[in-house]
Amino acid sequence: AAMVAAVAALTYLLTKLLQRFVILYGKRLFAAVVLIGVLLQAGLSLLLQQQFPLLFAHQALGFIVPGLIAYQLERQPKTATVLSTGAVTFATYVILASGLLLGALPTA
């Protein structure tokens, strides 16, 4: 989760930098944010794949999520985005952890 948050923050900052040189609104802004997020996450996965081969083994949505979070940081107040993302992440973790503890989810 920390890696996704770091890539989302870097995506947001790079988008702000890009907006100084290019007019980005609407669909172009969304496309630019998602593209930057995918490129950063792909670059990070290529860098870390040699040392940690199982880190990105089952992460299909992990390439899109940082861009979506950065896009929401762009559109709505940062506090609301961070709080809602943190709440959803925490709730998902609690549900998965309780499912594992109760034996409702497979462990292998």
N, C-alpha and C. Protein backbone atom coordinates (compact mmCIF):
# COMPACT_ATOMS: atom_id res chain seq x y z
N ALA A 1 0.82 -1.19 0.00
CA ALA A 1 0.00 0.00 0.00
C ALA A 1 0.87 1.26 0.00
N ALA A 2 2.00 1.19 0.68
CA ALA A 2 2.89 2.36 0.72
C ALA A 2 3.49 2.65 -0.65
N MET A 3 3.77 1.59 -1.40
CA MET A 3 4.34 1.79 -2.72
C MET A 3 3.32 2.43 -3.67
N VAL A 4 2.06 2.00 -3.58
CA VAL A 4 1.01 2.58 -4.40
C VAL A 4 0.80 4.04 -4.03
N ALA A 5 0.83 4.36 -2.74
CA ALA A 5 0.67 5.74 -2.30
C ALA A 5 1.83 6.61 -2.77
N ALA A 6 3.04 6.07 -2.74
CA ALA A 6 4.21 6.83 -3.20
C ALA A 6 4.13 7.09 -4.70
N VAL A 7 3.74 6.08 -5.46
CA VAL A 7 3.62 6.26 -6.91
C VAL A 7 2.48 7.23 -7.23
N ALA A 8 1.38 7.17 -6.48
CA ALA A 8 0.28 8.10 -6.68
C ALA A 8 0.71 9.54 -6.39
N ALA A 9 1.47 9.74 -5.32
CA ALA A 9 1.95 11.08 -4.99
C ALA A 9 2.91 11.59 -6.05
N LEU A 10 3.80 10.74 -6.52
CA LEU A 10 4.74 11.14 -7.57
C LEU A 10 4.00 11.42 -8.88
N THR A 11 2.97 10.64 -9.17
CA THR A 11 2.14 10.88 -10.36
C THR A 11 1.46 12.23 -10.26
N TYR A 12 0.92 12.55 -9.10
CA TYR A 12 0.27 13.84 -8.88
C TYR A 12 1.25 14.99 -9.10
N LEU A 13 2.44 14.87 -8.53
CA LEU A 13 3.44 15.93 -8.67
C LEU A 13 3.91 16.09 -10.11
N LEU A 14 4.11 14.98 -10.80
CA LEU A 14 4.52 15.07 -12.21
C LEU A 14 3.41 15.64 -13.08
N THR A 15 2.16 15.35 -12.74
CA THR A 15 1.05 15.93 -13.49
C THR A 15 0.98 17.44 -13.28
N LYS A 16 1.20 17.88 -12.04
CA LYS A 16 1.23 19.32 -11.77
C LYS A 16 2.35 20.00 -12.55
N LEU A 17 3.50 19.34 -12.63
CA LEU A 17 4.62 19.87 -13.40
C LEU A 17 4.29 19.92 -14.88
N LEU A 18 3.66 18.88 -15.39
CA LEU A 18 3.29 18.83 -16.80
C LEU A 18 2.26 19.89 -17.15
N GLN A 19 1.38 20.22 -16.20
CA GLN A 19 0.34 21.22 -16.44
C GLN A 19 0.92 22.63 -16.61
N ARG A 20 2.14 22.84 -16.20
CA ARG A 20 2.77 24.14 -16.43
C ARG A 20 3.11 24.35 -17.90
N PHE A 21 3.26 23.26 -18.65
CA PHE A 21 3.69 23.34 -20.04
C PHE A 21 2.61 22.94 -21.03
N VAL A 22 1.63 22.16 -20.60
CA VAL A 22 0.59 21.65 -21.48
C VAL A 22 -0.77 21.93 -20.83
N ILE A 23 -1.75 22.29 -21.65
CA ILE A 23 -3.09 22.52 -21.13
C ILE A 23 -3.76 21.16 -20.96
N LEU A 24 -4.04 20.80 -19.72
CA LEU A 24 -4.64 19.50 -19.41
C LEU A 24 -5.93 19.71 -18.62
N TYR A 25 -7.06 19.37 -19.24
CA TYR A 25 -8.36 19.39 -18.58
C TYR A 25 -9.19 18.24 -19.12
N GLY A 26 -10.11 17.76 -18.33
CA GLY A 26 -11.05 16.74 -18.78
C GLY A 26 -10.40 15.42 -19.14
N LYS A 27 -10.73 14.96 -20.35
CA LYS A 27 -10.23 13.65 -20.80
C LYS A 27 -8.72 13.64 -20.97
N ARG A 28 -8.16 14.74 -21.42
CA ARG A 28 -6.70 14.79 -21.59
C ARG A 28 -5.99 14.70 -20.24
N LEU A 29 -6.54 15.35 -19.23
CA LEU A 29 -5.96 15.27 -17.88
C LEU A 29 -6.04 13.84 -17.36
N PHE A 30 -7.20 13.20 -17.52
CA PHE A 30 -7.36 11.83 -17.06
C PHE A 30 -6.39 10.90 -17.77
N ALA A 31 -6.28 11.05 -19.08
CA ALA A 31 -5.36 10.19 -19.85
C ALA A 31 -3.92 10.42 -19.43
N ALA A 32 -3.55 11.67 -19.21
CA ALA A 32 -2.17 11.98 -18.81
C ALA A 32 -1.86 11.41 -17.43
N VAL A 33 -2.78 11.56 -16.50
CA VAL A 33 -2.55 11.07 -15.13
C VAL A 33 -2.43 9.55 -15.12
N VAL A 34 -3.33 8.86 -15.81
CA VAL A 34 -3.28 7.40 -15.83
C VAL A 34 -2.03 6.92 -16.56
N LEU A 35 -1.66 7.58 -17.65
CA LEU A 35 -0.46 7.18 -18.39
C LEU A 35 0.80 7.37 -17.55
N ILE A 36 0.90 8.49 -16.86
CA ILE A 36 2.06 8.72 -15.99
C ILE A 36 2.09 7.68 -14.87
N GLY A 37 0.94 7.38 -14.28
CA GLY A 37 0.88 6.37 -13.23
C GLY A 37 1.29 5.00 -13.71
N VAL A 38 0.83 4.61 -14.90
CA VAL A 38 1.20 3.31 -15.46
C VAL A 38 2.69 3.25 -15.76
N LEU A 39 3.23 4.32 -16.34
CA LEU A 39 4.66 4.34 -16.66
C LEU A 39 5.52 4.27 -15.40
N LEU A 40 5.14 5.01 -14.37
CA LEU A 40 5.91 4.97 -13.12
C LEU A 40 5.83 3.59 -12.46
N GLN A 41 4.63 3.03 -12.41
CA GLN A 41 4.47 1.72 -11.78
C GLN A 41 5.19 0.63 -12.58
N ALA A 42 5.13 0.71 -13.91
CA ALA A 42 5.84 -0.27 -14.73
C ALA A 42 7.35 -0.13 -14.56
N GLY A 43 7.83 1.10 -14.52
CA GLY A 43 9.26 1.31 -14.29
C GLY A 43 9.71 0.80 -12.93
N LEU A 44 8.89 1.04 -11.93
CA LEU A 44 9.21 0.56 -10.59
C LEU A 44 9.21 -0.96 -10.53
N SER A 45 8.24 -1.57 -11.21
CA SER A 45 8.20 -3.03 -11.20
C SER A 45 9.39 -3.62 -11.94
N LEU A 46 9.84 -2.97 -13.01
CA LEU A 46 11.02 -3.46 -13.72
C LEU A 46 12.28 -3.32 -12.87
N LEU A 47 12.36 -2.23 -12.11
CA LEU A 47 13.52 -2.05 -11.24
C LEU A 47 13.57 -3.05 -10.09
N LEU A 48 12.41 -3.35 -9.53
CA LEU A 48 12.36 -4.21 -8.35
C LEU A 48 12.16 -5.68 -8.67
N GLN A 49 11.90 -6.00 -9.93
CA GLN A 49 11.58 -7.38 -10.29
C GLN A 49 12.76 -8.33 -10.09
N GLN A 50 13.96 -7.85 -10.28
CA GLN A 50 15.13 -8.71 -10.12
C GLN A 50 15.36 -9.08 -8.65
N GLN A 51 15.19 -8.11 -7.76
CA GLN A 51 15.43 -8.36 -6.34
C GLN A 51 14.26 -9.04 -5.65
N PHE A 52 13.04 -8.68 -6.05
CA PHE A 52 11.83 -9.22 -5.42
C PHE A 52 10.91 -9.77 -6.51
N PRO A 53 11.15 -10.98 -7.01
CA PRO A 53 10.38 -11.48 -8.15
C PRO A 53 8.90 -11.73 -7.85
N LEU A 54 8.52 -11.98 -6.62
CA LEU A 54 7.12 -12.26 -6.30
C LEU A 54 6.34 -11.01 -5.90
N LEU A 55 6.99 -9.86 -5.87
CA LEU A 55 6.33 -8.63 -5.41
C LEU A 55 5.19 -8.23 -6.35
N PHE A 56 5.39 -8.35 -7.65
CA PHE A 56 4.38 -7.93 -8.63
C PHE A 56 3.76 -9.13 -9.33
N ALA A 57 3.79 -10.30 -8.73
CA ALA A 57 3.32 -11.51 -9.39
C ALA A 57 1.82 -11.49 -9.68
N HIS A 58 1.01 -11.01 -8.75
CA HIS A 58 -0.45 -11.06 -8.91
C HIS A 58 -1.06 -9.66 -8.87
N GLN A 59 -0.39 -8.69 -9.42
CA GLN A 59 -0.85 -7.31 -9.29
C GLN A 59 -1.27 -6.78 -10.66
N ALA A 60 -2.50 -7.04 -11.05
CA ALA A 60 -3.00 -6.56 -12.33
C ALA A 60 -3.49 -5.12 -12.21
N LEU A 61 -4.23 -4.82 -11.16
CA LEU A 61 -4.78 -3.47 -10.99
C LEU A 61 -3.77 -2.49 -10.43
N GLY A 62 -2.66 -2.97 -9.96
CA GLY A 62 -1.66 -2.10 -9.35
C GLY A 62 -1.06 -1.09 -10.30
N PHE A 63 -1.23 -1.29 -11.59
CA PHE A 63 -0.70 -0.34 -12.56
C PHE A 63 -1.67 0.82 -12.80
N ILE A 64 -2.95 0.62 -12.57
CA ILE A 64 -3.95 1.65 -12.82
C ILE A 64 -4.27 2.46 -11.57
N VAL A 65 -4.26 1.82 -10.42
CA VAL A 65 -4.71 2.44 -9.17
C VAL A 65 -3.95 3.72 -8.81
N PRO A 66 -2.60 3.78 -8.93
CA PRO A 66 -1.93 5.04 -8.59
C PRO A 66 -2.40 6.22 -9.45
N GLY A 67 -2.66 5.97 -10.72
CA GLY A 67 -3.17 7.03 -11.59
C GLY A 67 -4.56 7.49 -11.19
N LEU A 68 -5.41 6.54 -10.80
CA LEU A 68 -6.76 6.90 -10.37
C LEU A 68 -6.74 7.70 -9.07
N ILE A 69 -5.87 7.31 -8.16
CA ILE A 69 -5.75 8.06 -6.90
C ILE A 69 -5.22 9.47 -7.18
N ALA A 70 -4.22 9.58 -8.04
CA ALA A 70 -3.67 10.90 -8.39
C ALA A 70 -4.71 11.76 -9.09
N TYR A 71 -5.56 11.15 -9.91
CA TYR A 71 -6.61 11.90 -10.59
C TYR A 71 -7.62 12.44 -9.57
N GLN A 72 -7.95 11.64 -8.57
CA GLN A 72 -8.85 12.12 -7.53
C GLN A 72 -8.20 13.21 -6.67
N LEU A 73 -6.89 13.11 -6.46
CA LEU A 73 -6.18 14.19 -5.76
C LEU A 73 -6.27 15.49 -6.54
N GLU A 74 -6.29 15.38 -7.86
CA GLU A 74 -6.39 16.55 -8.73
C GLU A 74 -7.79 17.16 -8.69
N ARG A 75 -8.81 16.32 -8.61
CA ARG A 75 -10.18 16.78 -8.75
C ARG A 75 -10.85 17.23 -7.45
N GLN A 76 -10.56 16.59 -6.35
CA GLN A 76 -11.23 16.91 -5.09
C GLN A 76 -10.20 17.27 -4.03
N PRO A 77 -10.62 17.77 -2.88
CA PRO A 77 -9.65 18.14 -1.84
C PRO A 77 -8.78 16.95 -1.43
N LYS A 78 -7.52 17.26 -1.17
CA LYS A 78 -6.55 16.21 -0.86
C LYS A 78 -6.91 15.46 0.42
N THR A 79 -7.44 16.17 1.40
CA THR A 79 -7.80 15.53 2.67
C THR A 79 -8.90 14.48 2.45
N ALA A 80 -9.90 14.82 1.66
CA ALA A 80 -10.99 13.88 1.39
C ALA A 80 -10.48 12.65 0.65
N THR A 81 -9.58 12.86 -0.31
CA THR A 81 -9.03 11.73 -1.06
C THR A 81 -8.21 10.82 -0.17
N VAL A 82 -7.34 11.40 0.63
CA VAL A 82 -6.47 10.59 1.49
C VAL A 82 -7.30 9.84 2.54
N LEU A 83 -8.27 10.51 3.14
CA LEU A 83 -9.10 9.85 4.16
C LEU A 83 -9.95 8.73 3.57
N SER A 84 -10.56 8.98 2.42
CA SER A 84 -11.41 7.94 1.82
C SER A 84 -10.58 6.77 1.33
N THR A 85 -9.43 7.03 0.74
CA THR A 85 -8.56 5.94 0.28
C THR A 85 -8.04 5.14 1.47
N GLY A 86 -7.66 5.82 2.53
CA GLY A 86 -7.19 5.12 3.72
C GLY A 86 -8.29 4.29 4.37
N ALA A 87 -9.51 4.83 4.41
CA ALA A 87 -10.63 4.10 5.01
C ALA A 87 -10.97 2.85 4.22
N VAL A 88 -11.00 2.97 2.90
CA VAL A 88 -11.30 1.80 2.06
C VAL A 88 -10.20 0.76 2.16
N THR A 89 -8.95 1.20 2.19
CA THR A 89 -7.83 0.27 2.33
C THR A 89 -7.89 -0.46 3.67
N PHE A 90 -8.16 0.28 4.73
CA PHE A 90 -8.25 -0.33 6.06
C PHE A 90 -9.42 -1.30 6.14
N ALA A 91 -10.57 -0.91 5.60
CA ALA A 91 -11.74 -1.80 5.63
C ALA A 91 -11.48 -3.08 4.84
N THR A 92 -10.83 -2.96 3.70
CA THR A 92 -10.50 -4.14 2.91
C THR A 92 -9.55 -5.05 3.67
N TYR A 93 -8.57 -4.46 4.31
CA TYR A 93 -7.62 -5.25 5.10
C TYR A 93 -8.33 -5.98 6.24
N VAL A 94 -9.23 -5.29 6.94
CA VAL A 94 -9.95 -5.90 8.06
C VAL A 94 -10.82 -7.06 7.56
N ILE A 95 -11.50 -6.87 6.44
CA ILE A 95 -12.36 -7.92 5.90
C ILE A 95 -11.52 -9.13 5.49
N LEU A 96 -10.41 -8.90 4.80
CA LEU A 96 -9.56 -10.02 4.39
C LEU A 96 -8.92 -10.71 5.59
N ALA A 97 -8.45 -9.94 6.56
CA ALA A 97 -7.82 -10.54 7.74
C ALA A 97 -8.83 -11.33 8.56
N SER A 98 -10.04 -10.81 8.72
CA SER A 98 -11.05 -11.55 9.47
C SER A 98 -11.48 -12.80 8.72
N GLY A 99 -11.53 -12.74 7.40
CA GLY A 99 -11.86 -13.93 6.62
C GLY A 99 -10.80 -15.00 6.74
N LEU A 100 -9.54 -14.58 6.79
CA LEU A 100 -8.46 -15.55 6.99
C LEU A 100 -8.52 -16.16 8.38
N LEU A 101 -8.78 -15.31 9.38
CA LEU A 101 -8.84 -15.81 10.76
C LEU A 101 -10.02 -16.75 10.99
N LEU A 102 -11.13 -16.48 10.32
CA LEU A 102 -12.30 -17.33 10.49
C LEU A 102 -12.27 -18.57 9.59
N GLY A 103 -11.29 -18.63 8.72
CA GLY A 103 -11.16 -19.78 7.84
C GLY A 103 -12.06 -19.71 6.62
N ALA A 104 -12.59 -18.54 6.31
CA ALA A 104 -13.47 -18.40 5.16
C ALA A 104 -12.71 -18.26 3.85
N LEU A 105 -11.44 -17.89 3.91
CA LEU A 105 -10.62 -17.73 2.71
C LEU A 105 -9.55 -18.81 2.67
N PRO A 106 -9.21 -19.27 1.48
CA PRO A 106 -8.12 -20.25 1.40
C PRO A 106 -6.78 -19.61 1.73
N THR A 107 -5.92 -20.35 2.37
CA THR A 107 -4.62 -19.81 2.77
C THR A 107 -3.51 -20.17 1.81
N ALA A 108 -3.72 -21.12 0.94
CA ALA A 108 -2.65 -21.52 0.01
C ALA A 108 -3.05 -21.32 -1.42
